[in-house]
Amino acid sequence: MSKSGTRPDNTQRLLSICGIIAPILYTIVVITLGLLRPGYNHVTQFMSELGETGGSNAIIMNTAGFALLGILMIAFAFGLHRGISEGKGSKIGPALIAISGVAVVGAGIFPCDPGCVNESFTGMMHSVSATIPGVGMALAPFFIAERFKNDRRWESYRLYTMATGVVTAFLGLGLLFVTIEGWMGALQRISMGVPLLWIEIMAIRLLRLS
């Protein structure tokens, strides 16, 4: 049902579905392309290497992977904003998710250099684009959780949402400042998986409320 509880909100349903399919589709793309690339290791190598300049199937990673994920995140951000009661600073959380989505699209437009040792302008732009979602998705849950306090339909999701922000921030700092030899690919996947799982759960809730 819609916010008014009178009839289904088809727009909200569509935006919710975007949030539901985003993490699933991205995961499928990453796993599939990793299997298709000889010698690729999900534990040791970054996901961006699947879209590196000159790499096999790079265009698939940069379009069906990064770009599509970013577009779906932007749609989800609008849906989340529409689906929660508003309050002070209520637009900040969804805006941070949308900005993160734009940056993910940018990561697809600007692929990393081979091996993701970025030296070219395109490679450096990729690094910037890849960093923004880490910051945005670490901060957004705290603003979203604040809105949940004013909406009884979402109140039970508040603690989980705040925990997502804390864990995402902690893992993001680990990626920036800690090098765990042989495990950086796994750390990156976990740090991205935490907010993507949150998006999945929030989007399912949105769909049920639509």
N, C-alpha and C. Protein backbone atom coordinates (compact mmCIF):
# COMPACT_ATOMS: atom_id res chain seq x y z
N MET A 1 0.83 -1.20 0.00
CA MET A 1 0.00 0.00 0.00
C MET A 1 0.87 1.25 0.00
N SER A 2 0.31 2.35 -0.45
CA SER A 2 1.01 3.62 -0.47
C SER A 2 1.04 4.21 0.93
N LYS A 3 1.70 5.37 1.07
CA LYS A 3 1.76 6.05 2.37
C LYS A 3 0.36 6.28 2.93
N SER A 4 -0.57 6.64 2.05
CA SER A 4 -1.92 6.93 2.49
C SER A 4 -2.67 5.67 2.86
N GLY A 5 -2.17 4.49 2.44
CA GLY A 5 -2.81 3.24 2.75
C GLY A 5 -4.08 3.00 1.97
N THR A 6 -4.28 3.75 0.87
CA THR A 6 -5.52 3.64 0.11
C THR A 6 -5.39 2.75 -1.11
N ARG A 7 -4.28 2.80 -1.81
CA ARG A 7 -4.12 2.01 -3.02
C ARG A 7 -2.64 1.79 -3.31
N PRO A 8 -2.32 0.78 -4.09
CA PRO A 8 -0.91 0.51 -4.40
C PRO A 8 -0.26 1.69 -5.12
N ASP A 9 1.00 1.94 -4.79
CA ASP A 9 1.77 3.01 -5.43
C ASP A 9 2.71 2.34 -6.43
N ASN A 10 2.34 2.37 -7.71
CA ASN A 10 3.13 1.67 -8.73
C ASN A 10 4.52 2.26 -8.91
N THR A 11 4.64 3.57 -8.77
CA THR A 11 5.96 4.20 -8.87
C THR A 11 6.86 3.72 -7.75
N GLN A 12 6.30 3.68 -6.55
CA GLN A 12 7.07 3.20 -5.40
C GLN A 12 7.46 1.74 -5.56
N ARG A 13 6.59 0.95 -6.12
CA ARG A 13 6.91 -0.45 -6.36
C ARG A 13 8.09 -0.58 -7.32
N LEU A 14 8.08 0.21 -8.38
CA LEU A 14 9.15 0.16 -9.36
C LEU A 14 10.48 0.58 -8.75
N LEU A 15 10.47 1.64 -7.95
CA LEU A 15 11.69 2.11 -7.31
C LEU A 15 12.20 1.09 -6.29
N SER A 16 11.26 0.43 -5.61
CA SER A 16 11.64 -0.61 -4.66
C SER A 16 12.29 -1.79 -5.37
N ILE A 17 11.71 -2.19 -6.49
CA ILE A 17 12.26 -3.31 -7.26
C ILE A 17 13.66 -2.99 -7.76
N CYS A 18 13.89 -1.73 -8.11
CA CYS A 18 15.25 -1.32 -8.51
C CYS A 18 16.24 -1.61 -7.39
N GLY A 19 15.85 -1.29 -6.16
CA GLY A 19 16.72 -1.55 -5.03
C GLY A 19 16.91 -3.03 -4.76
N ILE A 20 15.89 -3.82 -5.03
CA ILE A 20 15.98 -5.26 -4.80
C ILE A 20 16.93 -5.92 -5.80
N ILE A 21 16.81 -5.56 -7.06
CA ILE A 21 17.61 -6.25 -8.08
C ILE A 21 19.04 -5.73 -8.16
N ALA A 22 19.30 -4.51 -7.66
CA ALA A 22 20.64 -3.92 -7.78
C ALA A 22 21.73 -4.80 -7.18
N PRO A 23 21.66 -5.18 -5.89
CA PRO A 23 22.73 -6.01 -5.32
C PRO A 23 22.82 -7.39 -5.96
N ILE A 24 21.66 -7.96 -6.30
CA ILE A 24 21.64 -9.30 -6.89
C ILE A 24 22.31 -9.30 -8.25
N LEU A 25 21.92 -8.36 -9.10
CA LEU A 25 22.47 -8.28 -10.44
C LEU A 25 23.97 -8.01 -10.40
N TYR A 26 24.38 -7.08 -9.54
CA TYR A 26 25.81 -6.75 -9.44
C TYR A 26 26.61 -7.98 -9.01
N THR A 27 26.11 -8.71 -8.05
CA THR A 27 26.80 -9.91 -7.57
C THR A 27 26.94 -10.95 -8.67
N ILE A 28 25.87 -11.13 -9.44
CA ILE A 28 25.91 -12.09 -10.54
C ILE A 28 26.95 -11.69 -11.57
N VAL A 29 27.01 -10.41 -11.90
CA VAL A 29 27.97 -9.92 -12.89
C VAL A 29 29.40 -10.17 -12.41
N VAL A 30 29.68 -9.80 -11.16
CA VAL A 30 31.04 -9.94 -10.63
C VAL A 30 31.45 -11.41 -10.59
N ILE A 31 30.60 -12.28 -10.09
CA ILE A 31 30.94 -13.70 -10.00
C ILE A 31 31.13 -14.30 -11.39
N THR A 32 30.23 -13.98 -12.30
CA THR A 32 30.31 -14.55 -13.65
C THR A 32 31.57 -14.10 -14.38
N LEU A 33 31.86 -12.81 -14.34
CA LEU A 33 33.04 -12.31 -15.03
C LEU A 33 34.33 -12.83 -14.40
N GLY A 34 34.31 -13.03 -13.07
CA GLY A 34 35.47 -13.61 -12.42
C GLY A 34 35.74 -15.03 -12.89
N LEU A 35 34.66 -15.77 -13.10
CA LEU A 35 34.80 -17.14 -13.59
C LEU A 35 35.28 -17.18 -15.04
N LEU A 36 34.89 -16.18 -15.80
CA LEU A 36 35.25 -16.15 -17.21
C LEU A 36 36.69 -15.68 -17.45
N ARG A 37 37.29 -15.04 -16.45
CA ARG A 37 38.66 -14.54 -16.63
C ARG A 37 39.66 -15.54 -16.04
N PRO A 38 40.47 -16.15 -16.86
CA PRO A 38 41.45 -17.13 -16.38
C PRO A 38 42.40 -16.52 -15.34
N GLY A 39 42.55 -17.21 -14.22
CA GLY A 39 43.49 -16.77 -13.21
C GLY A 39 42.97 -15.72 -12.25
N TYR A 40 41.76 -15.22 -12.49
CA TYR A 40 41.23 -14.17 -11.60
C TYR A 40 40.88 -14.77 -10.25
N ASN A 41 41.20 -14.04 -9.18
CA ASN A 41 40.97 -14.52 -7.83
C ASN A 41 40.14 -13.50 -7.06
N HIS A 42 38.95 -13.90 -6.64
CA HIS A 42 38.06 -12.98 -5.92
C HIS A 42 38.60 -12.60 -4.55
N VAL A 43 39.44 -13.41 -3.98
CA VAL A 43 39.98 -13.15 -2.65
C VAL A 43 41.10 -12.11 -2.70
N THR A 44 41.93 -12.19 -3.70
CA THR A 44 43.11 -11.33 -3.75
C THR A 44 42.96 -10.10 -4.64
N GLN A 45 42.05 -10.13 -5.61
CA GLN A 45 41.96 -9.05 -6.60
C GLN A 45 40.71 -8.19 -6.41
N PHE A 46 40.87 -6.91 -6.74
CA PHE A 46 39.76 -5.98 -6.63
C PHE A 46 38.73 -6.23 -7.73
N MET A 47 37.49 -5.87 -7.43
CA MET A 47 36.42 -6.02 -8.42
C MET A 47 36.65 -5.12 -9.62
N SER A 48 37.25 -3.98 -9.40
CA SER A 48 37.49 -3.04 -10.49
C SER A 48 38.40 -3.62 -11.57
N GLU A 49 39.21 -4.61 -11.20
CA GLU A 49 40.10 -5.23 -12.19
C GLU A 49 39.32 -5.96 -13.27
N LEU A 50 38.09 -6.32 -12.97
CA LEU A 50 37.24 -6.95 -13.99
C LEU A 50 36.84 -5.96 -15.08
N GLY A 51 36.95 -4.67 -14.78
CA GLY A 51 36.62 -3.65 -15.77
C GLY A 51 37.81 -2.83 -16.20
N GLU A 52 39.02 -3.30 -15.89
CA GLU A 52 40.23 -2.54 -16.19
C GLU A 52 40.40 -2.31 -17.69
N THR A 53 41.07 -1.23 -18.01
CA THR A 53 41.31 -0.87 -19.41
C THR A 53 41.99 -2.02 -20.15
N GLY A 54 41.38 -2.44 -21.26
CA GLY A 54 41.94 -3.50 -22.07
C GLY A 54 41.62 -4.90 -21.60
N GLY A 55 40.89 -5.04 -20.50
CA GLY A 55 40.58 -6.36 -19.97
C GLY A 55 39.46 -7.05 -20.75
N SER A 56 39.49 -8.37 -20.75
CA SER A 56 38.43 -9.12 -21.42
C SER A 56 37.12 -8.92 -20.68
N ASN A 57 36.05 -8.67 -21.43
CA ASN A 57 34.71 -8.45 -20.87
C ASN A 57 34.63 -7.21 -19.97
N ALA A 58 35.60 -6.32 -20.10
CA ALA A 58 35.60 -5.11 -19.27
C ALA A 58 34.35 -4.27 -19.50
N ILE A 59 33.89 -4.21 -20.74
CA ILE A 59 32.72 -3.40 -21.04
C ILE A 59 31.49 -3.90 -20.31
N ILE A 60 31.42 -5.21 -20.08
CA ILE A 60 30.28 -5.77 -19.34
C ILE A 60 30.33 -5.33 -17.88
N MET A 61 31.51 -5.39 -17.29
CA MET A 61 31.65 -4.96 -15.90
C MET A 61 31.33 -3.49 -15.74
N ASN A 62 31.79 -2.68 -16.69
CA ASN A 62 31.62 -1.24 -16.56
C ASN A 62 30.21 -0.75 -16.88
N THR A 63 29.45 -1.57 -17.61
CA THR A 63 28.07 -1.20 -17.94
C THR A 63 27.06 -1.97 -17.09
N ALA A 64 27.01 -3.29 -17.28
CA ALA A 64 26.05 -4.12 -16.54
C ALA A 64 26.44 -4.24 -15.06
N GLY A 65 27.72 -3.98 -14.75
CA GLY A 65 28.17 -4.01 -13.37
C GLY A 65 28.05 -2.65 -12.71
N PHE A 66 29.03 -1.80 -12.93
CA PHE A 66 29.09 -0.50 -12.26
C PHE A 66 27.96 0.45 -12.65
N ALA A 67 27.83 0.73 -13.94
CA ALA A 67 26.88 1.75 -14.37
C ALA A 67 25.44 1.39 -13.99
N LEU A 68 25.05 0.16 -14.25
CA LEU A 68 23.68 -0.24 -13.94
C LEU A 68 23.43 -0.25 -12.44
N LEU A 69 24.41 -0.70 -11.67
CA LEU A 69 24.27 -0.66 -10.22
C LEU A 69 24.04 0.77 -9.75
N GLY A 70 24.83 1.71 -10.28
CA GLY A 70 24.68 3.10 -9.87
C GLY A 70 23.32 3.66 -10.20
N ILE A 71 22.82 3.37 -11.39
CA ILE A 71 21.49 3.86 -11.80
C ILE A 71 20.41 3.30 -10.89
N LEU A 72 20.50 2.02 -10.58
CA LEU A 72 19.51 1.38 -9.71
C LEU A 72 19.59 1.94 -8.28
N MET A 73 20.79 2.27 -7.82
CA MET A 73 20.94 2.89 -6.50
C MET A 73 20.28 4.25 -6.44
N ILE A 74 20.40 5.02 -7.52
CA ILE A 74 19.76 6.34 -7.58
C ILE A 74 18.24 6.18 -7.50
N ALA A 75 17.71 5.22 -8.25
CA ALA A 75 16.26 4.97 -8.22
C ALA A 75 15.82 4.56 -6.82
N PHE A 76 16.60 3.68 -6.19
CA PHE A 76 16.29 3.25 -4.83
C PHE A 76 16.28 4.42 -3.86
N ALA A 77 17.23 5.34 -4.02
CA ALA A 77 17.31 6.50 -3.13
C ALA A 77 16.02 7.32 -3.19
N PHE A 78 15.50 7.52 -4.39
CA PHE A 78 14.23 8.25 -4.52
C PHE A 78 13.09 7.46 -3.86
N GLY A 79 13.10 6.15 -4.04
CA GLY A 79 12.06 5.33 -3.45
C GLY A 79 12.11 5.36 -1.93
N LEU A 80 13.31 5.30 -1.36
CA LEU A 80 13.45 5.34 0.08
C LEU A 80 12.98 6.68 0.64
N HIS A 81 13.31 7.75 -0.06
CA HIS A 81 12.87 9.08 0.38
C HIS A 81 11.34 9.18 0.38
N ARG A 82 10.72 8.62 -0.64
CA ARG A 82 9.27 8.66 -0.73
C ARG A 82 8.60 7.76 0.30
N GLY A 83 9.31 6.74 0.76
CA GLY A 83 8.69 5.72 1.61
C GLY A 83 8.85 5.91 3.09
N ILE A 84 9.51 6.99 3.53
CA ILE A 84 9.73 7.23 4.95
C ILE A 84 9.18 8.61 5.31
N SER A 85 8.61 8.71 6.51
CA SER A 85 8.14 10.01 6.98
C SER A 85 9.30 10.99 7.03
N GLU A 86 9.03 12.23 6.67
CA GLU A 86 10.09 13.24 6.61
C GLU A 86 10.30 13.90 7.96
N GLY A 87 11.47 14.52 8.10
CA GLY A 87 11.81 15.24 9.31
C GLY A 87 12.99 16.15 9.05
N LYS A 88 13.60 16.69 10.10
CA LYS A 88 14.73 17.59 9.95
C LYS A 88 15.89 16.87 9.27
N GLY A 89 16.42 17.48 8.22
CA GLY A 89 17.52 16.89 7.49
C GLY A 89 17.16 15.62 6.76
N SER A 90 15.88 15.47 6.46
CA SER A 90 15.40 14.19 5.93
C SER A 90 15.91 13.86 4.54
N LYS A 91 16.31 14.87 3.79
CA LYS A 91 16.77 14.62 2.41
C LYS A 91 18.23 14.20 2.35
N ILE A 92 18.98 14.37 3.43
CA ILE A 92 20.42 14.14 3.39
C ILE A 92 20.73 12.66 3.13
N GLY A 93 20.09 11.76 3.85
CA GLY A 93 20.36 10.34 3.69
C GLY A 93 20.13 9.84 2.28
N PRO A 94 18.91 10.04 1.73
CA PRO A 94 18.67 9.62 0.35
C PRO A 94 19.60 10.32 -0.64
N ALA A 95 19.93 11.59 -0.38
CA ALA A 95 20.83 12.31 -1.28
C ALA A 95 22.21 11.66 -1.30
N LEU A 96 22.69 11.23 -0.15
CA LEU A 96 24.00 10.57 -0.08
C LEU A 96 23.99 9.24 -0.84
N ILE A 97 22.87 8.52 -0.76
CA ILE A 97 22.75 7.27 -1.53
C ILE A 97 22.76 7.57 -3.02
N ALA A 98 22.02 8.61 -3.42
CA ALA A 98 21.97 8.98 -4.84
C ALA A 98 23.34 9.42 -5.34
N ILE A 99 24.05 10.21 -4.54
CA ILE A 99 25.40 10.66 -4.91
C ILE A 99 26.33 9.45 -5.04
N SER A 100 26.19 8.51 -4.12
CA SER A 100 26.99 7.28 -4.21
C SER A 100 26.69 6.54 -5.51
N GLY A 101 25.41 6.52 -5.90
CA GLY A 101 25.03 5.88 -7.15
C GLY A 101 25.66 6.56 -8.36
N VAL A 102 25.66 7.89 -8.34
CA VAL A 102 26.29 8.65 -9.43
C VAL A 102 27.77 8.31 -9.52
N ALA A 103 28.42 8.21 -8.36
CA ALA A 103 29.85 7.89 -8.33
C ALA A 103 30.11 6.48 -8.85
N VAL A 104 29.22 5.53 -8.55
CA VAL A 104 29.38 4.17 -9.06
C VAL A 104 29.26 4.16 -10.58
N VAL A 105 28.34 4.97 -11.12
CA VAL A 105 28.27 5.13 -12.58
C VAL A 105 29.59 5.67 -13.10
N GLY A 106 30.16 6.64 -12.38
CA GLY A 106 31.45 7.20 -12.77
C GLY A 106 32.56 6.17 -12.78
N ALA A 107 32.50 5.21 -11.85
CA ALA A 107 33.51 4.15 -11.82
C ALA A 107 33.45 3.29 -13.07
N GLY A 108 32.26 3.20 -13.67
CA GLY A 108 32.12 2.47 -14.92
C GLY A 108 32.56 3.28 -16.12
N ILE A 109 32.33 4.58 -16.07
CA ILE A 109 32.73 5.45 -17.18
C ILE A 109 34.25 5.59 -17.23
N PHE A 110 34.88 5.63 -16.05
CA PHE A 110 36.33 5.76 -15.96
C PHE A 110 36.92 4.45 -15.40
N PRO A 111 37.24 3.49 -16.26
CA PRO A 111 37.80 2.22 -15.78
C PRO A 111 39.19 2.39 -15.19
N CYS A 112 39.56 1.49 -14.30
CA CYS A 112 40.89 1.57 -13.71
C CYS A 112 41.95 1.11 -14.71
N ASP A 113 43.18 1.52 -14.48
CA ASP A 113 44.28 1.07 -15.32
C ASP A 113 44.55 -0.41 -15.05
N PRO A 114 45.26 -1.11 -15.94
CA PRO A 114 45.56 -2.52 -15.73
C PRO A 114 46.16 -2.80 -14.35
N GLY A 115 45.56 -3.78 -13.66
CA GLY A 115 46.01 -4.10 -12.31
C GLY A 115 45.52 -3.11 -11.28
N CYS A 116 44.74 -2.12 -11.71
CA CYS A 116 44.25 -1.04 -10.84
C CYS A 116 45.38 -0.31 -10.14
N VAL A 117 46.53 -0.24 -10.81
CA VAL A 117 47.61 0.65 -10.37
C VAL A 117 47.44 1.91 -11.19
N ASN A 118 46.66 2.84 -10.68
CA ASN A 118 46.17 3.95 -11.49
C ASN A 118 47.19 5.06 -11.63
N GLU A 119 47.54 5.31 -12.90
CA GLU A 119 48.50 6.36 -13.23
C GLU A 119 47.91 7.36 -14.22
N SER A 120 46.97 6.93 -15.05
CA SER A 120 46.37 7.81 -16.04
C SER A 120 45.26 8.65 -15.40
N PHE A 121 44.80 9.67 -16.13
CA PHE A 121 43.69 10.50 -15.64
C PHE A 121 42.45 9.64 -15.44
N THR A 122 42.18 8.76 -16.40
CA THR A 122 41.02 7.89 -16.29
C THR A 122 41.11 7.00 -15.06
N GLY A 123 42.29 6.45 -14.83
CA GLY A 123 42.49 5.60 -13.67
C GLY A 123 42.31 6.35 -12.36
N MET A 124 42.83 7.58 -12.29
CA MET A 124 42.69 8.37 -11.07
C MET A 124 41.23 8.76 -10.84
N MET A 125 40.50 9.05 -11.92
CA MET A 125 39.08 9.34 -11.80
C MET A 125 38.32 8.12 -11.29
N HIS A 126 38.77 6.95 -11.71
CA HIS A 126 38.13 5.73 -11.21
C HIS A 126 38.32 5.62 -9.70
N SER A 127 39.53 5.89 -9.23
CA SER A 127 39.81 5.81 -7.80
C SER A 127 38.93 6.77 -7.00
N VAL A 128 38.78 7.99 -7.53
CA VAL A 128 37.93 8.98 -6.86
C VAL A 128 36.48 8.50 -6.85
N SER A 129 36.02 8.02 -8.01
CA SER A 129 34.64 7.56 -8.13
C SER A 129 34.37 6.37 -7.21
N ALA A 130 35.36 5.51 -7.04
CA ALA A 130 35.19 4.33 -6.20
C ALA A 130 35.22 4.66 -4.72
N THR A 131 35.86 5.77 -4.37
CA THR A 131 35.96 6.16 -2.96
C THR A 131 34.69 6.83 -2.45
N ILE A 132 34.05 7.60 -3.30
CA ILE A 132 32.86 8.36 -2.89
C ILE A 132 31.76 7.48 -2.32
N PRO A 133 31.40 6.35 -2.95
CA PRO A 133 30.34 5.51 -2.38
C PRO A 133 30.69 4.96 -1.00
N GLY A 134 31.99 4.70 -0.76
CA GLY A 134 32.38 4.23 0.56
C GLY A 134 32.05 5.23 1.64
N VAL A 135 32.28 6.51 1.34
CA VAL A 135 31.97 7.57 2.29
C VAL A 135 30.45 7.78 2.37
N GLY A 136 29.82 7.87 1.21
CA GLY A 136 28.38 8.14 1.17
C GLY A 136 27.56 7.06 1.86
N MET A 137 27.91 5.80 1.61
CA MET A 137 27.13 4.70 2.18
C MET A 137 27.49 4.43 3.63
N ALA A 138 28.56 5.04 4.14
CA ALA A 138 28.87 4.98 5.56
C ALA A 138 28.08 6.03 6.33
N LEU A 139 27.85 7.18 5.71
CA LEU A 139 27.14 8.28 6.37
C LEU A 139 25.62 8.19 6.22
N ALA A 140 25.16 7.77 5.05
CA ALA A 140 23.72 7.76 4.77
C ALA A 140 22.90 7.01 5.81
N PRO A 141 23.31 5.82 6.27
CA PRO A 141 22.47 5.10 7.24
C PRO A 141 22.17 5.88 8.51
N PHE A 142 23.08 6.73 8.96
CA PHE A 142 22.84 7.49 10.18
C PHE A 142 21.71 8.50 9.99
N PHE A 143 21.69 9.15 8.83
CA PHE A 143 20.61 10.09 8.55
C PHE A 143 19.28 9.36 8.31
N ILE A 144 19.36 8.21 7.66
CA ILE A 144 18.15 7.42 7.44
C ILE A 144 17.60 6.92 8.78
N ALA A 145 18.47 6.47 9.66
CA ALA A 145 18.05 5.98 10.97
C ALA A 145 17.35 7.07 11.77
N GLU A 146 17.80 8.30 11.60
CA GLU A 146 17.17 9.43 12.29
C GLU A 146 15.73 9.60 11.82
N ARG A 147 15.50 9.38 10.55
CA ARG A 147 14.14 9.47 10.01
C ARG A 147 13.26 8.33 10.51
N PHE A 148 13.88 7.17 10.72
CA PHE A 148 13.12 6.01 11.19
C PHE A 148 12.47 6.27 12.55
N LYS A 149 13.07 7.16 13.35
CA LYS A 149 12.52 7.45 14.66
C LYS A 149 11.11 8.04 14.56
N ASN A 150 10.83 8.69 13.44
CA ASN A 150 9.55 9.37 13.26
C ASN A 150 8.54 8.55 12.45
N ASP A 151 8.88 7.30 12.18
CA ASP A 151 7.99 6.47 11.37
C ASP A 151 7.92 5.07 12.00
N ARG A 152 6.78 4.76 12.61
CA ARG A 152 6.65 3.49 13.33
C ARG A 152 6.80 2.28 12.41
N ARG A 153 6.56 2.47 11.11
CA ARG A 153 6.70 1.37 10.16
C ARG A 153 8.15 0.95 9.98
N TRP A 154 9.05 1.86 10.30
CA TRP A 154 10.48 1.62 10.09
C TRP A 154 11.28 1.57 11.38
N GLU A 155 10.66 1.81 12.51
CA GLU A 155 11.38 1.95 13.76
C GLU A 155 12.22 0.71 14.10
N SER A 156 11.72 -0.47 13.77
CA SER A 156 12.44 -1.70 14.10
C SER A 156 13.70 -1.90 13.24
N TYR A 157 13.84 -1.11 12.18
CA TYR A 157 15.01 -1.20 11.30
C TYR A 157 16.10 -0.20 11.68
N ARG A 158 15.84 0.60 12.70
CA ARG A 158 16.75 1.70 13.04
C ARG A 158 18.10 1.19 13.54
N LEU A 159 18.10 0.24 14.46
CA LEU A 159 19.36 -0.25 15.02
C LEU A 159 20.20 -0.91 13.95
N TYR A 160 19.58 -1.73 13.12
CA TYR A 160 20.31 -2.39 12.03
C TYR A 160 20.91 -1.37 11.08
N THR A 161 20.15 -0.32 10.79
CA THR A 161 20.63 0.71 9.88
C THR A 161 21.84 1.44 10.45
N MET A 162 21.80 1.76 11.73
CA MET A 162 22.94 2.43 12.36
C MET A 162 24.16 1.50 12.39
N ALA A 163 23.92 0.22 12.66
CA ALA A 163 25.02 -0.75 12.67
C ALA A 163 25.66 -0.86 11.29
N THR A 164 24.84 -0.77 10.25
CA THR A 164 25.36 -0.81 8.89
C THR A 164 26.31 0.36 8.63
N GLY A 165 25.92 1.53 9.11
CA GLY A 165 26.78 2.70 8.95
C GLY A 165 28.12 2.53 9.66
N VAL A 166 28.08 2.01 10.88
CA VAL A 166 29.31 1.82 11.67
C VAL A 166 30.23 0.81 10.99
N VAL A 167 29.67 -0.34 10.60
CA VAL A 167 30.48 -1.39 9.99
C VAL A 167 31.04 -0.95 8.64
N THR A 168 30.21 -0.26 7.86
CA THR A 168 30.66 0.22 6.55
C THR A 168 31.81 1.21 6.70
N ALA A 169 31.70 2.10 7.68
CA ALA A 169 32.77 3.07 7.93
C ALA A 169 34.05 2.36 8.37
N PHE A 170 33.92 1.41 9.27
CA PHE A 170 35.07 0.67 9.79
C PHE A 170 35.79 -0.09 8.67
N LEU A 171 35.02 -0.78 7.84
CA LEU A 171 35.62 -1.55 6.75
C LEU A 171 36.22 -0.63 5.68
N GLY A 172 35.56 0.50 5.44
CA GLY A 172 36.08 1.46 4.47
C GLY A 172 37.42 2.02 4.90
N LEU A 173 37.55 2.33 6.18
CA LEU A 173 38.83 2.82 6.69
C LEU A 173 39.90 1.74 6.58
N GLY A 174 39.48 0.49 6.78
CA GLY A 174 40.41 -0.62 6.64
C GLY A 174 40.96 -0.72 5.23
N LEU A 175 40.07 -0.52 4.25
CA LEU A 175 40.51 -0.58 2.84
C LEU A 175 41.49 0.53 2.52
N LEU A 176 41.29 1.70 3.12
CA LEU A 176 42.13 2.85 2.81
C LEU A 176 43.50 2.77 3.49
N PHE A 177 43.52 2.27 4.72
CA PHE A 177 44.74 2.42 5.51
C PHE A 177 45.40 1.10 5.92
N VAL A 178 44.74 -0.02 5.66
CA VAL A 178 45.31 -1.30 6.08
C VAL A 178 45.50 -2.20 4.85
N THR A 179 46.66 -2.81 4.74
CA THR A 179 46.93 -3.75 3.66
C THR A 179 47.07 -5.15 4.25
N ILE A 180 46.13 -6.01 3.89
CA ILE A 180 46.18 -7.41 4.33
C ILE A 180 46.57 -8.23 3.12
N GLU A 181 47.83 -8.57 3.04
CA GLU A 181 48.38 -9.25 1.87
C GLU A 181 47.58 -10.51 1.54
N GLY A 182 47.11 -10.56 0.29
CA GLY A 182 46.39 -11.73 -0.18
C GLY A 182 44.91 -11.75 0.12
N TRP A 183 44.41 -10.70 0.81
CA TRP A 183 43.00 -10.70 1.20
C TRP A 183 42.27 -9.40 0.84
N MET A 184 42.90 -8.53 0.07
CA MET A 184 42.29 -7.23 -0.20
C MET A 184 41.02 -7.35 -1.03
N GLY A 185 40.98 -8.33 -1.94
CA GLY A 185 39.77 -8.53 -2.72
C GLY A 185 38.60 -8.94 -1.85
N ALA A 186 38.86 -9.83 -0.90
CA ALA A 186 37.81 -10.27 0.02
C ALA A 186 37.35 -9.12 0.90
N LEU A 187 38.29 -8.31 1.40
CA LEU A 187 37.94 -7.16 2.25
C LEU A 187 37.08 -6.17 1.48
N GLN A 188 37.44 -5.93 0.22
CA GLN A 188 36.65 -5.00 -0.59
C GLN A 188 35.23 -5.52 -0.78
N ARG A 189 35.10 -6.80 -1.03
CA ARG A 189 33.77 -7.39 -1.25
C ARG A 189 32.91 -7.33 0.01
N ILE A 190 33.52 -7.54 1.15
CA ILE A 190 32.78 -7.45 2.41
C ILE A 190 32.35 -6.01 2.66
N SER A 191 33.27 -5.07 2.43
CA SER A 191 32.97 -3.66 2.70
C SER A 191 31.88 -3.13 1.78
N MET A 192 31.79 -3.68 0.58
CA MET A 192 30.73 -3.28 -0.34
C MET A 192 29.47 -4.10 -0.11
N GLY A 193 29.65 -5.34 0.34
CA GLY A 193 28.51 -6.21 0.56
C GLY A 193 27.62 -5.75 1.71
N VAL A 194 28.21 -5.15 2.74
CA VAL A 194 27.42 -4.72 3.90
C VAL A 194 26.37 -3.67 3.50
N PRO A 195 26.74 -2.58 2.84
CA PRO A 195 25.70 -1.62 2.43
C PRO A 195 24.78 -2.16 1.35
N LEU A 196 25.28 -3.03 0.46
CA LEU A 196 24.41 -3.60 -0.55
C LEU A 196 23.36 -4.51 0.07
N LEU A 197 23.73 -5.24 1.11
CA LEU A 197 22.76 -6.06 1.82
C LEU A 197 21.71 -5.18 2.49
N TRP A 198 22.15 -4.06 3.04
CA TRP A 198 21.21 -3.11 3.65
C TRP A 198 20.23 -2.58 2.61
N ILE A 199 20.74 -2.23 1.43
CA ILE A 199 19.86 -1.78 0.36
C ILE A 199 18.84 -2.85 0.02
N GLU A 200 19.29 -4.08 -0.07
CA GLU A 200 18.39 -5.20 -0.38
C GLU A 200 17.25 -5.30 0.64
N ILE A 201 17.61 -5.27 1.92
CA ILE A 201 16.61 -5.41 2.98
C ILE A 201 15.67 -4.22 3.01
N MET A 202 16.19 -3.02 2.86
CA MET A 202 15.35 -1.82 2.86
C MET A 202 14.41 -1.82 1.65
N ALA A 203 14.91 -2.26 0.50
CA ALA A 203 14.10 -2.27 -0.70
C ALA A 203 12.95 -3.28 -0.59
N ILE A 204 13.24 -4.43 0.01
CA ILE A 204 12.17 -5.42 0.22
C ILE A 204 11.10 -4.85 1.14
N ARG A 205 11.52 -4.15 2.19
CA ARG A 205 10.56 -3.50 3.09
C ARG A 205 9.75 -2.44 2.35
N LEU A 206 10.42 -1.66 1.52
CA LEU A 206 9.71 -0.65 0.72
C LEU A 206 8.64 -1.27 -0.16
N LEU A 207 8.99 -2.38 -0.79
CA LEU A 207 8.03 -3.04 -1.67
C LEU A 207 6.81 -3.52 -0.89
N ARG A 208 7.03 -4.04 0.28
CA ARG A 208 5.92 -4.52 1.11
C ARG A 208 5.00 -3.38 1.56
N LEU A 209 5.58 -2.18 1.70
CA LEU A 209 4.79 -1.02 2.12
C LEU A 209 4.12 -0.30 0.95
N SER A 210 4.50 -0.66 -0.28
CA SER A 210 4.00 0.07 -1.46
C SER A 210 2.53 -0.26 -1.74
